[in-house]
All heavy atoms as atom14 arrays in JSON, in Angstrom:
{
  "sequence": "RCSIFIVERSGQSIWLRAGTGLKAKDIEIDRHADAVVSECIRSGE",
  "atom14_mask": [
    [1, 1, 1, 1, 1, 1, 1, 1, 1, 1, 1, 0, 0, 0],
    [1, 1, 1, 1, 1, 1, 0, 0, 0, 0, 0, 0, 0, 0],
    [1, 1, 1, 1, 1, 1, 0, 0, 0, 0, 0, 0, 0, 0],
    [1, 1, 1, 1, 1, 1, 1, 1, 0, 0, 0, 0, 0, 0],
    [1, 1, 1, 1, 1, 1, 1, 1, 1, 1, 1, 0, 0, 0],
    [1, 1, 1, 1, 1, 1, 1, 1, 0, 0, 0, 0, 0, 0],
    [1, 1, 1, 1, 1, 1, 1, 0, 0, 0, 0, 0, 0, 0],
    [1, 1, 1, 1, 1, 1, 1, 1, 1, 0, 0, 0, 0, 0],
    [1, 1, 1, 1, 1, 1, 1, 1, 1, 1, 1, 0, 0, 0],
    [1, 1, 1, 1, 1, 1, 0, 0, 0, 0, 0, 0, 0, 0],
    [1, 1, 1, 1, 0, 0, 0, 0, 0, 0, 0, 0, 0, 0],
    [1, 1, 1, 1, 1, 1, 1, 1, 1, 0, 0, 0, 0, 0],
    [1, 1, 1, 1, 1, 1, 0, 0, 0, 0, 0, 0, 0, 0],
    [1, 1, 1, 1, 1, 1, 1, 1, 0, 0, 0, 0, 0, 0],
    [1, 1, 1, 1, 1, 1, 1, 1, 1, 1, 1, 1, 1, 1],
    [1, 1, 1, 1, 1, 1, 1, 1, 0, 0, 0, 0, 0, 0],
    [1, 1, 1, 1, 1, 1, 1, 1, 1, 1, 1, 0, 0, 0],
    [1, 1, 1, 1, 1, 0, 0, 0, 0, 0, 0, 0, 0, 0],
    [1, 1, 1, 1, 0, 0, 0, 0, 0, 0, 0, 0, 0, 0],
    [1, 1, 1, 1, 1, 1, 1, 0, 0, 0, 0, 0, 0, 0],
    [1, 1, 1, 1, 0, 0, 0, 0, 0, 0, 0, 0, 0, 0],
    [1, 1, 1, 1, 1, 1, 1, 1, 0, 0, 0, 0, 0, 0],
    [1, 1, 1, 1, 1, 1, 1, 1, 1, 0, 0, 0, 0, 0],
    [1, 1, 1, 1, 1, 0, 0, 0, 0, 0, 0, 0, 0, 0],
    [1, 1, 1, 1, 1, 1, 1, 1, 1, 0, 0, 0, 0, 0],
    [1, 1, 1, 1, 1, 1, 1, 1, 0, 0, 0, 0, 0, 0],
    [1, 1, 1, 1, 1, 1, 1, 1, 0, 0, 0, 0, 0, 0],
    [1, 1, 1, 1, 1, 1, 1, 1, 1, 0, 0, 0, 0, 0],
    [1, 1, 1, 1, 1, 1, 1, 1, 0, 0, 0, 0, 0, 0],
    [1, 1, 1, 1, 1, 1, 1, 1, 0, 0, 0, 0, 0, 0],
    [1, 1, 1, 1, 1, 1, 1, 1, 1, 1, 1, 0, 0, 0],
    [1, 1, 1, 1, 1, 1, 1, 1, 1, 1, 0, 0, 0, 0],
    [1, 1, 1, 1, 1, 0, 0, 0, 0, 0, 0, 0, 0, 0],
    [1, 1, 1, 1, 1, 1, 1, 1, 0, 0, 0, 0, 0, 0],
    [1, 1, 1, 1, 1, 0, 0, 0, 0, 0, 0, 0, 0, 0],
    [1, 1, 1, 1, 1, 1, 1, 0, 0, 0, 0, 0, 0, 0],
    [1, 1, 1, 1, 1, 1, 1, 0, 0, 0, 0, 0, 0, 0],
    [1, 1, 1, 1, 1, 1, 0, 0, 0, 0, 0, 0, 0, 0],
    [1, 1, 1, 1, 1, 1, 1, 1, 1, 0, 0, 0, 0, 0],
    [1, 1, 1, 1, 1, 1, 0, 0, 0, 0, 0, 0, 0, 0],
    [1, 1, 1, 1, 1, 1, 1, 1, 0, 0, 0, 0, 0, 0],
    [1, 1, 1, 1, 1, 1, 1, 1, 1, 1, 1, 0, 0, 0],
    [1, 1, 1, 1, 1, 1, 0, 0, 0, 0, 0, 0, 0, 0],
    [1, 1, 1, 1, 0, 0, 0, 0, 0, 0, 0, 0, 0, 0],
    [1, 1, 1, 1, 1, 1, 1, 1, 1, 0, 0, 0, 0, 0]
  ],
  "atom14_positions": [
    [[-213.49, 37.69, 138.03], [-212.13, 37.28, 138.38], [-211.37, 36.77, 137.15], [-211.98, 36.3, 136.18], [-212.13, 36.18, 139.44], [-212.49, 36.68, 140.83], [-212.16, 35.68, 141.91], [-212.37, 36.24, 143.23], [-212.04, 35.64, 144.38], [-211.48, 34.42, 144.35], [-212.24, 36.21, 145.53], [0.0, 0.0, 0.0], [0.0, 0.0, 0.0], [0.0, 0.0, 0.0]],
    [[-210.05, 36.88, 137.26], [-209.15, 36.34, 136.24], [-208.04, 35.58, 136.96], [-207.51, 36.04, 137.97], [-208.56, 37.47, 135.4], [-207.28, 36.94, 134.22], [0.0, 0.0, 0.0], [0.0, 0.0, 0.0], [0.0, 0.0, 0.0], [0.0, 0.0, 0.0], [0.0, 0.0, 0.0], [0.0, 0.0, 0.0], [0.0, 0.0, 0.0], [0.0, 0.0, 0.0]],
    [[-207.71, 34.39, 136.45], [-206.65, 33.58, 137.05], [-205.7, 33.11, 135.96], [-206.13, 32.77, 134.85], [-207.24, 32.36, 137.77], [-208.13, 32.75, 138.8], [0.0, 0.0, 0.0], [0.0, 0.0, 0.0], [0.0, 0.0, 0.0], [0.0, 0.0, 0.0], [0.0, 0.0, 0.0], [0.0, 0.0, 0.0], [0.0, 0.0, 0.0], [0.0, 0.0, 0.0]],
    [[-204.41, 33.09, 136.29], [-203.38, 32.6, 135.36], [-202.7, 31.4, 136.0], [-202.15, 31.49, 137.1], [-202.35, 33.69, 135.04], [-203.04, 34.89, 134.38], [-201.25, 33.14, 134.13], [-202.12, 36.09, 134.19], [0.0, 0.0, 0.0], [0.0, 0.0, 0.0], [0.0, 0.0, 0.0], [0.0, 0.0, 0.0], [0.0, 0.0, 0.0], [0.0, 0.0, 0.0]],
    [[-202.77, 30.27, 135.3], [-202.19, 29.03, 135.8], [-200.97, 28.65, 134.97], [-200.9, 28.92, 133.77], [-203.2, 27.89, 135.74], [-204.35, 28.03, 136.7], [-205.49, 28.72, 136.35], [-204.27, 27.44, 137.96], [-206.55, 28.85, 137.24], [-205.32, 27.56, 138.86], [-206.47, 28.27, 138.5], [0.0, 0.0, 0.0], [0.0, 0.0, 0.0], [0.0, 0.0, 0.0]],
    [[-200.01, 28.0, 135.63], [-198.79, 27.55, 134.97], [-198.61, 26.05, 135.21], [-198.86, 25.56, 136.32], [-197.56, 28.31, 135.51], [-197.62, 29.77, 135.07], [-196.26, 27.68, 135.02], [-196.46, 30.6, 135.56], [0.0, 0.0, 0.0], [0.0, 0.0, 0.0], [0.0, 0.0, 0.0], [0.0, 0.0, 0.0], [0.0, 0.0, 0.0], [0.0, 0.0, 0.0]],
    [[-198.21, 25.35, 134.19], [-197.91, 23.92, 134.32], [-196.52, 23.77, 134.9], [-195.56, 24.37, 134.41], [-197.98, 23.21, 132.95], [-197.66, 21.73, 133.1], [-199.35, 23.4, 132.32], [0.0, 0.0, 0.0], [0.0, 0.0, 0.0], [0.0, 0.0, 0.0], [0.0, 0.0, 0.0], [0.0, 0.0, 0.0], [0.0, 0.0, 0.0], [0.0, 0.0, 0.0]],
    [[-196.41, 23.01, 135.97], [-195.1, 22.73, 136.56], [-194.21, 22.05, 135.52], [-194.7, 21.32, 134.66], [-195.27, 21.83, 137.78], [-194.01, 21.68, 138.62], [-194.25, 20.74, 139.79], [-194.92, 19.73, 139.59], [-193.78, 21.03, 140.88], [0.0, 0.0, 0.0], [0.0, 0.0, 0.0], [0.0, 0.0, 0.0], [0.0, 0.0, 0.0], [0.0, 0.0, 0.0]],
    [[-192.91, 22.27, 135.6], [-192.01, 21.74, 134.57], [-192.05, 20.23, 134.47], [-191.81, 19.66, 133.4], [-190.57, 22.2, 134.85], [-190.34, 23.66, 134.45], [-188.92, 24.07, 134.72], [-188.58, 23.97, 136.13], [-187.35, 24.0, 136.61], [-186.32, 24.09, 135.78], [-187.13, 23.92, 137.9], [0.0, 0.0, 0.0], [0.0, 0.0, 0.0], [0.0, 0.0, 0.0]],
    [[-192.4, 19.55, 135.55], [-192.54, 18.09, 135.48], [-193.76, 17.69, 134.67], [-193.87, 16.56, 134.2], [-192.66, 17.51, 136.89], [-193.87, 17.91, 137.49], [0.0, 0.0, 0.0], [0.0, 0.0, 0.0], [0.0, 0.0, 0.0], [0.0, 0.0, 0.0], [0.0, 0.0, 0.0], [0.0, 0.0, 0.0], [0.0, 0.0, 0.0], [0.0, 0.0, 0.0]],
    [[-194.68, 18.64, 134.52], [-195.89, 18.39, 133.73], [-197.02, 17.73, 134.49], [-198.1, 17.5, 133.94], [0.0, 0.0, 0.0], [0.0, 0.0, 0.0], [0.0, 0.0, 0.0], [0.0, 0.0, 0.0], [0.0, 0.0, 0.0], [0.0, 0.0, 0.0], [0.0, 0.0, 0.0], [0.0, 0.0, 0.0], [0.0, 0.0, 0.0], [0.0, 0.0, 0.0]],
    [[-196.83, 17.46, 135.78], [-197.84, 16.73, 136.55], [-198.76, 17.65, 137.35], [-199.89, 17.28, 137.64], [-197.16, 15.74, 137.5], [-196.35, 14.67, 136.8], [-197.17, 13.9, 135.79], [-198.25, 13.41, 136.09], [-196.66, 13.8, 134.57], [0.0, 0.0, 0.0], [0.0, 0.0, 0.0], [0.0, 0.0, 0.0], [0.0, 0.0, 0.0], [0.0, 0.0, 0.0]],
    [[-198.3, 18.82, 137.71], [-199.09, 19.73, 138.53], [-199.34, 21.05, 137.8], [-198.55, 21.47, 136.95], [-198.38, 20.02, 139.86], [-198.26, 18.85, 140.63], [0.0, 0.0, 0.0], [0.0, 0.0, 0.0], [0.0, 0.0, 0.0], [0.0, 0.0, 0.0], [0.0, 0.0, 0.0], [0.0, 0.0, 0.0], [0.0, 0.0, 0.0], [0.0, 0.0, 0.0]],
    [[-200.45, 21.65, 138.14], [-200.81, 22.97, 137.62], [-201.02, 23.87, 138.83], [-201.75, 23.51, 139.75], [-202.11, 22.9, 136.79], [-201.97, 21.9, 135.65], [-202.49, 24.27, 136.26], [-203.3, 21.48, 135.04], [0.0, 0.0, 0.0], [0.0, 0.0, 0.0], [0.0, 0.0, 0.0], [0.0, 0.0, 0.0], [0.0, 0.0, 0.0], [0.0, 0.0, 0.0]],
    [[-200.37, 25.03, 138.84], [-200.54, 25.89, 140.0], [-200.84, 27.33, 139.59], [-200.48, 27.77, 138.52], [-199.34, 25.82, 140.94], [-197.99, 26.03, 140.32], [-197.21, 25.08, 139.73], [-197.24, 27.25, 140.24], [-196.03, 25.62, 139.29], [-196.02, 26.95, 139.59], [-197.47, 28.56, 140.66], [-195.05, 27.91, 139.34], [-196.51, 29.52, 140.4], [-195.3, 29.19, 139.77]],
    [[-201.54, 28.0, 140.48], [-201.91, 29.39, 140.24], [-200.69, 30.28, 140.33], [-199.98, 30.26, 141.33], [-202.95, 29.82, 141.28], [-203.45, 31.26, 141.14], [-204.44, 31.36, 139.98], [-204.11, 31.72, 142.43], [0.0, 0.0, 0.0], [0.0, 0.0, 0.0], [0.0, 0.0, 0.0], [0.0, 0.0, 0.0], [0.0, 0.0, 0.0], [0.0, 0.0, 0.0]],
    [[-200.44, 31.06, 139.3], [-199.32, 32.0, 139.32], [-199.78, 33.38, 139.75], [-199.08, 34.11, 140.42], [-198.65, 32.07, 137.94], [-197.37, 32.89, 137.94], [-196.32, 32.23, 138.81], [-195.1, 33.01, 138.92], [-194.88, 33.96, 139.82], [-195.83, 34.29, 140.68], [-193.72, 34.59, 139.87], [0.0, 0.0, 0.0], [0.0, 0.0, 0.0], [0.0, 0.0, 0.0]],
    [[-201.01, 33.76, 139.33], [-201.59, 35.04, 139.73], [-203.1, 34.94, 139.59], [-203.59, 34.31, 138.66], [-201.04, 36.18, 138.87], [0.0, 0.0, 0.0], [0.0, 0.0, 0.0], [0.0, 0.0, 0.0], [0.0, 0.0, 0.0], [0.0, 0.0, 0.0], [0.0, 0.0, 0.0], [0.0, 0.0, 0.0], [0.0, 0.0, 0.0], [0.0, 0.0, 0.0]],
    [[-203.82, 35.57, 140.5], [-205.28, 35.5, 140.44], [-205.92, 36.62, 141.21], [-205.36, 37.1, 142.21], [0.0, 0.0, 0.0], [0.0, 0.0, 0.0], [0.0, 0.0, 0.0], [0.0, 0.0, 0.0], [0.0, 0.0, 0.0], [0.0, 0.0, 0.0], [0.0, 0.0, 0.0], [0.0, 0.0, 0.0], [0.0, 0.0, 0.0], [0.0, 0.0, 0.0]],
    [[-207.08, 37.06, 140.77], [-207.81, 38.12, 141.45], [-208.17, 37.68, 142.86], [-208.84, 36.66, 143.05], [-209.09, 38.48, 140.68], [-208.78, 38.7, 139.3], [-209.74, 39.72, 141.26], [0.0, 0.0, 0.0], [0.0, 0.0, 0.0], [0.0, 0.0, 0.0], [0.0, 0.0, 0.0], [0.0, 0.0, 0.0], [0.0, 0.0, 0.0], [0.0, 0.0, 0.0]],
    [[-207.7, 38.42, 143.84], [-208.0, 38.1, 145.23], [-207.27, 36.88, 145.78], [-207.6, 36.41, 146.87], [0.0, 0.0, 0.0], [0.0, 0.0, 0.0], [0.0, 0.0, 0.0], [0.0, 0.0, 0.0], [0.0, 0.0, 0.0], [0.0, 0.0, 0.0], [0.0, 0.0, 0.0], [0.0, 0.0, 0.0], [0.0, 0.0, 0.0], [0.0, 0.0, 0.0]],
    [[-206.28, 36.38, 145.05], [-205.54, 35.19, 145.47], [-204.04, 35.44, 145.39], [-203.58, 36.35, 144.71], [-205.91, 34.0, 144.58], [-207.38, 33.54, 144.61], [-207.62, 32.53, 143.51], [-207.72, 32.95, 145.97], [0.0, 0.0, 0.0], [0.0, 0.0, 0.0], [0.0, 0.0, 0.0], [0.0, 0.0, 0.0], [0.0, 0.0, 0.0], [0.0, 0.0, 0.0]],
    [[-203.29, 34.59, 146.08], [-201.83, 34.65, 146.04], [-201.3, 33.5, 145.18], [-201.97, 32.5, 144.97], [-201.25, 34.55, 147.45], [-201.65, 35.69, 148.37], [-201.07, 35.48, 149.76], [-201.5, 36.59, 150.71], [-200.96, 36.36, 152.09], [0.0, 0.0, 0.0], [0.0, 0.0, 0.0], [0.0, 0.0, 0.0], [0.0, 0.0, 0.0], [0.0, 0.0, 0.0]],
    [[-200.08, 33.69, 144.71], [-199.44, 32.63, 143.92], [-199.41, 31.33, 144.71], [-199.12, 31.31, 145.9], [-198.01, 33.04, 143.55], [0.0, 0.0, 0.0], [0.0, 0.0, 0.0], [0.0, 0.0, 0.0], [0.0, 0.0, 0.0], [0.0, 0.0, 0.0], [0.0, 0.0, 0.0], [0.0, 0.0, 0.0], [0.0, 0.0, 0.0], [0.0, 0.0, 0.0]],
    [[-199.78, 30.24, 144.04], [-199.8, 28.89, 144.6], [-200.9, 28.67, 145.64], [-200.87, 27.68, 146.36], [-198.43, 28.51, 145.16], [-197.36, 28.4, 144.08], [-196.11, 27.72, 144.58], [-195.1, 27.53, 143.44], [-193.89, 26.83, 143.85], [0.0, 0.0, 0.0], [0.0, 0.0, 0.0], [0.0, 0.0, 0.0], [0.0, 0.0, 0.0], [0.0, 0.0, 0.0]],
    [[-201.86, 29.6, 145.71], [-203.03, 29.34, 146.57], [-203.82, 28.14, 146.06], [-204.52, 27.48, 146.83], [-203.94, 30.58, 146.61], [-203.57, 31.53, 147.73], [-202.63, 31.21, 148.49], [-204.22, 32.59, 147.86], [0.0, 0.0, 0.0], [0.0, 0.0, 0.0], [0.0, 0.0, 0.0], [0.0, 0.0, 0.0], [0.0, 0.0, 0.0], [0.0, 0.0, 0.0]],
    [[-203.71, 27.92, 144.75], [-204.4, 26.78, 144.13], [-203.37, 25.92, 143.42], [-202.57, 26.42, 142.63], [-205.46, 27.24, 143.12], [-206.5, 28.14, 143.8], [-206.14, 26.04, 142.46], [-207.49, 28.77, 142.83], [0.0, 0.0, 0.0], [0.0, 0.0, 0.0], [0.0, 0.0, 0.0], [0.0, 0.0, 0.0], [0.0, 0.0, 0.0], [0.0, 0.0, 0.0]],
    [[-203.38, 24.62, 143.7], [-202.53, 23.67, 142.99], [-203.38, 22.45, 142.63], [-204.07, 21.9, 143.47], [-201.33, 23.24, 143.84], [-200.34, 22.37, 143.08], [-199.03, 22.16, 143.82], [-198.88, 22.73, 144.92], [-198.16, 21.45, 143.3], [0.0, 0.0, 0.0], [0.0, 0.0, 0.0], [0.0, 0.0, 0.0], [0.0, 0.0, 0.0], [0.0, 0.0, 0.0]],
    [[-203.36, 22.09, 141.36], [-204.25, 21.04, 140.84], [-203.44, 20.02, 140.07], [-202.49, 20.37, 139.34], [-205.31, 21.66, 139.9], [-206.09, 22.77, 140.62], [-206.26, 20.6, 139.38], [-206.98, 23.58, 139.71], [0.0, 0.0, 0.0], [0.0, 0.0, 0.0], [0.0, 0.0, 0.0], [0.0, 0.0, 0.0], [0.0, 0.0, 0.0], [0.0, 0.0, 0.0]],
    [[-203.79, 18.77, 140.23], [-203.15, 17.72, 139.44], [-203.6, 17.85, 137.98], [-204.73, 18.2, 137.69], [-203.55, 16.35, 139.98], [-202.79, 15.23, 139.3], [-201.72, 14.87, 139.78], [-203.29, 14.72, 138.28], [0.0, 0.0, 0.0], [0.0, 0.0, 0.0], [0.0, 0.0, 0.0], [0.0, 0.0, 0.0], [0.0, 0.0, 0.0], [0.0, 0.0, 0.0]],
    [[-202.68, 17.56, 137.09], [-202.97, 17.66, 135.65], [-204.16, 16.79, 135.23], [-204.88, 17.12, 134.29], [-201.72, 17.27, 134.85], [-201.85, 17.46, 133.35], [-200.64, 16.9, 132.62], [-200.74, 17.12, 131.19], [-200.21, 18.13, 130.54], [-199.52, 19.05, 131.21], [-200.35, 18.26, 129.23], [0.0, 0.0, 0.0], [0.0, 0.0, 0.0], [0.0, 0.0, 0.0]],
    [[-204.36, 15.69, 135.94], [-205.42, 14.76, 135.57], [-206.66, 14.91, 136.45], [-207.55, 14.06, 136.42], [-204.89, 13.32, 135.66], [-203.69, 13.08, 134.8], [-203.77, 12.98, 133.43], [-202.38, 12.96, 135.11], [-202.56, 12.78, 132.92], [-201.7, 12.77, 133.92], [0.0, 0.0, 0.0], [0.0, 0.0, 0.0], [0.0, 0.0, 0.0], [0.0, 0.0, 0.0]],
    [[-206.73, 16.0, 137.19], [-207.87, 16.22, 138.08], [-209.12, 16.58, 137.28], [-209.06, 16.97, 136.11], [-207.54, 17.33, 139.07], [0.0, 0.0, 0.0], [0.0, 0.0, 0.0], [0.0, 0.0, 0.0], [0.0, 0.0, 0.0], [0.0, 0.0, 0.0], [0.0, 0.0, 0.0], [0.0, 0.0, 0.0], [0.0, 0.0, 0.0], [0.0, 0.0, 0.0]],
    [[-210.26, 16.45, 137.96], [-211.54, 16.83, 137.36], [-211.73, 18.33, 137.54], [-212.49, 18.79, 138.39], [-212.67, 16.04, 138.03], [-214.04, 16.39, 137.43], [-214.06, 16.91, 136.3], [-215.05, 16.14, 138.11], [0.0, 0.0, 0.0], [0.0, 0.0, 0.0], [0.0, 0.0, 0.0], [0.0, 0.0, 0.0], [0.0, 0.0, 0.0], [0.0, 0.0, 0.0]],
    [[-211.0, 19.09, 136.73], [-211.05, 20.55, 136.81], [-211.03, 21.12, 135.4], [-210.44, 20.55, 134.49], [-209.85, 21.08, 137.61], [0.0, 0.0, 0.0], [0.0, 0.0, 0.0], [0.0, 0.0, 0.0], [0.0, 0.0, 0.0], [0.0, 0.0, 0.0], [0.0, 0.0, 0.0], [0.0, 0.0, 0.0], [0.0, 0.0, 0.0], [0.0, 0.0, 0.0]],
    [[-211.67, 22.26, 135.22], [-211.74, 22.89, 133.9], [-210.35, 23.23, 133.4], [-210.03, 22.98, 132.23], [-212.62, 24.15, 133.95], [-212.6, 24.87, 132.59], [-214.05, 23.8, 134.33], [0.0, 0.0, 0.0], [0.0, 0.0, 0.0], [0.0, 0.0, 0.0], [0.0, 0.0, 0.0], [0.0, 0.0, 0.0], [0.0, 0.0, 0.0], [0.0, 0.0, 0.0]],
    [[-209.5, 23.78, 134.26], [-208.15, 24.16, 133.83], [-207.34, 22.93, 133.45], [-206.56, 22.96, 132.48], [-207.44, 25.0, 134.91], [-207.16, 24.18, 136.18], [-206.14, 25.57, 134.38], [0.0, 0.0, 0.0], [0.0, 0.0, 0.0], [0.0, 0.0, 0.0], [0.0, 0.0, 0.0], [0.0, 0.0, 0.0], [0.0, 0.0, 0.0], [0.0, 0.0, 0.0]],
    [[-207.52, 21.83, 134.17], [-206.81, 20.6, 133.83], [-207.26, 20.08, 132.46], [-206.43, 19.68, 131.63], [-207.05, 19.52, 134.9], [-206.59, 19.94, 136.16], [0.0, 0.0, 0.0], [0.0, 0.0, 0.0], [0.0, 0.0, 0.0], [0.0, 0.0, 0.0], [0.0, 0.0, 0.0], [0.0, 0.0, 0.0], [0.0, 0.0, 0.0], [0.0, 0.0, 0.0]],
    [[-208.56, 20.08, 132.23], [-209.1, 19.62, 130.95], [-208.63, 20.5, 129.81], [-208.28, 20.01, 128.72], [-210.63, 19.61, 131.01], [-211.28, 19.04, 129.76], [-212.81, 19.06, 129.85], [-213.35, 19.3, 130.95], [-213.45, 18.84, 128.79], [0.0, 0.0, 0.0], [0.0, 0.0, 0.0], [0.0, 0.0, 0.0], [0.0, 0.0, 0.0], [0.0, 0.0, 0.0]],
    [[-208.6, 21.8, 130.04], [-208.14, 22.75, 129.03], [-206.68, 22.5, 128.65], [-206.32, 22.47, 127.47], [-208.32, 24.18, 129.55], [-207.63, 25.46, 128.49], [0.0, 0.0, 0.0], [0.0, 0.0, 0.0], [0.0, 0.0, 0.0], [0.0, 0.0, 0.0], [0.0, 0.0, 0.0], [0.0, 0.0, 0.0], [0.0, 0.0, 0.0], [0.0, 0.0, 0.0]],
    [[-205.84, 22.29, 129.67], [-204.42, 22.07, 129.42], [-204.17, 20.72, 128.77], [-203.33, 20.59, 127.87], [-203.63, 22.23, 130.74], [-203.58, 23.72, 131.12], [-202.22, 21.65, 130.62], [-203.03, 23.99, 132.48], [0.0, 0.0, 0.0], [0.0, 0.0, 0.0], [0.0, 0.0, 0.0], [0.0, 0.0, 0.0], [0.0, 0.0, 0.0], [0.0, 0.0, 0.0]],
    [[-204.92, 19.7, 129.18], [-204.76, 18.38, 128.57], [-205.17, 18.39, 127.1], [-204.51, 17.8, 126.24], [-205.58, 17.33, 129.32], [-205.06, 16.96, 130.69], [-205.7, 15.66, 131.19], [-207.16, 15.68, 131.15], [-207.93, 16.06, 132.16], [-207.38, 16.47, 133.29], [-209.26, 16.04, 132.05], [0.0, 0.0, 0.0], [0.0, 0.0, 0.0], [0.0, 0.0, 0.0]],
    [[-206.28, 19.06, 126.81], [-206.81, 19.04, 125.44], [-206.2, 20.11, 124.54], [-206.18, 19.96, 123.32], [-208.33, 19.23, 125.48], [-208.67, 20.53, 125.94], [0.0, 0.0, 0.0], [0.0, 0.0, 0.0], [0.0, 0.0, 0.0], [0.0, 0.0, 0.0], [0.0, 0.0, 0.0], [0.0, 0.0, 0.0], [0.0, 0.0, 0.0], [0.0, 0.0, 0.0]],
    [[-205.71, 21.19, 125.17], [-205.19, 22.3, 124.38], [-206.29, 23.11, 123.71], [-206.03, 23.89, 122.79], [0.0, 0.0, 0.0], [0.0, 0.0, 0.0], [0.0, 0.0, 0.0], [0.0, 0.0, 0.0], [0.0, 0.0, 0.0], [0.0, 0.0, 0.0], [0.0, 0.0, 0.0], [0.0, 0.0, 0.0], [0.0, 0.0, 0.0], [0.0, 0.0, 0.0]],
    [[-207.53, 22.95, 124.19], [-208.68, 23.62, 123.59], [-209.28, 24.64, 124.56], [-209.24, 24.47, 125.78], [-209.76, 22.6, 123.22], [-209.31, 21.53, 122.24], [-209.04, 22.09, 120.85], [-209.65, 23.15, 120.52], [-208.25, 21.5, 120.11], [0.0, 0.0, 0.0], [0.0, 0.0, 0.0], [0.0, 0.0, 0.0], [0.0, 0.0, 0.0], [0.0, 0.0, 0.0]]
  ]
}
């Protein structure tokens, strides 16, 4: 699978824009959540 996430303009939420087998916004994660995508976006690494 491949997923593309976008940071909401407020900077507080991260939501799925497109994903294999998923629809846009099927996944929404807080920027500070215990999630790999959140950690990646916070660290920029």
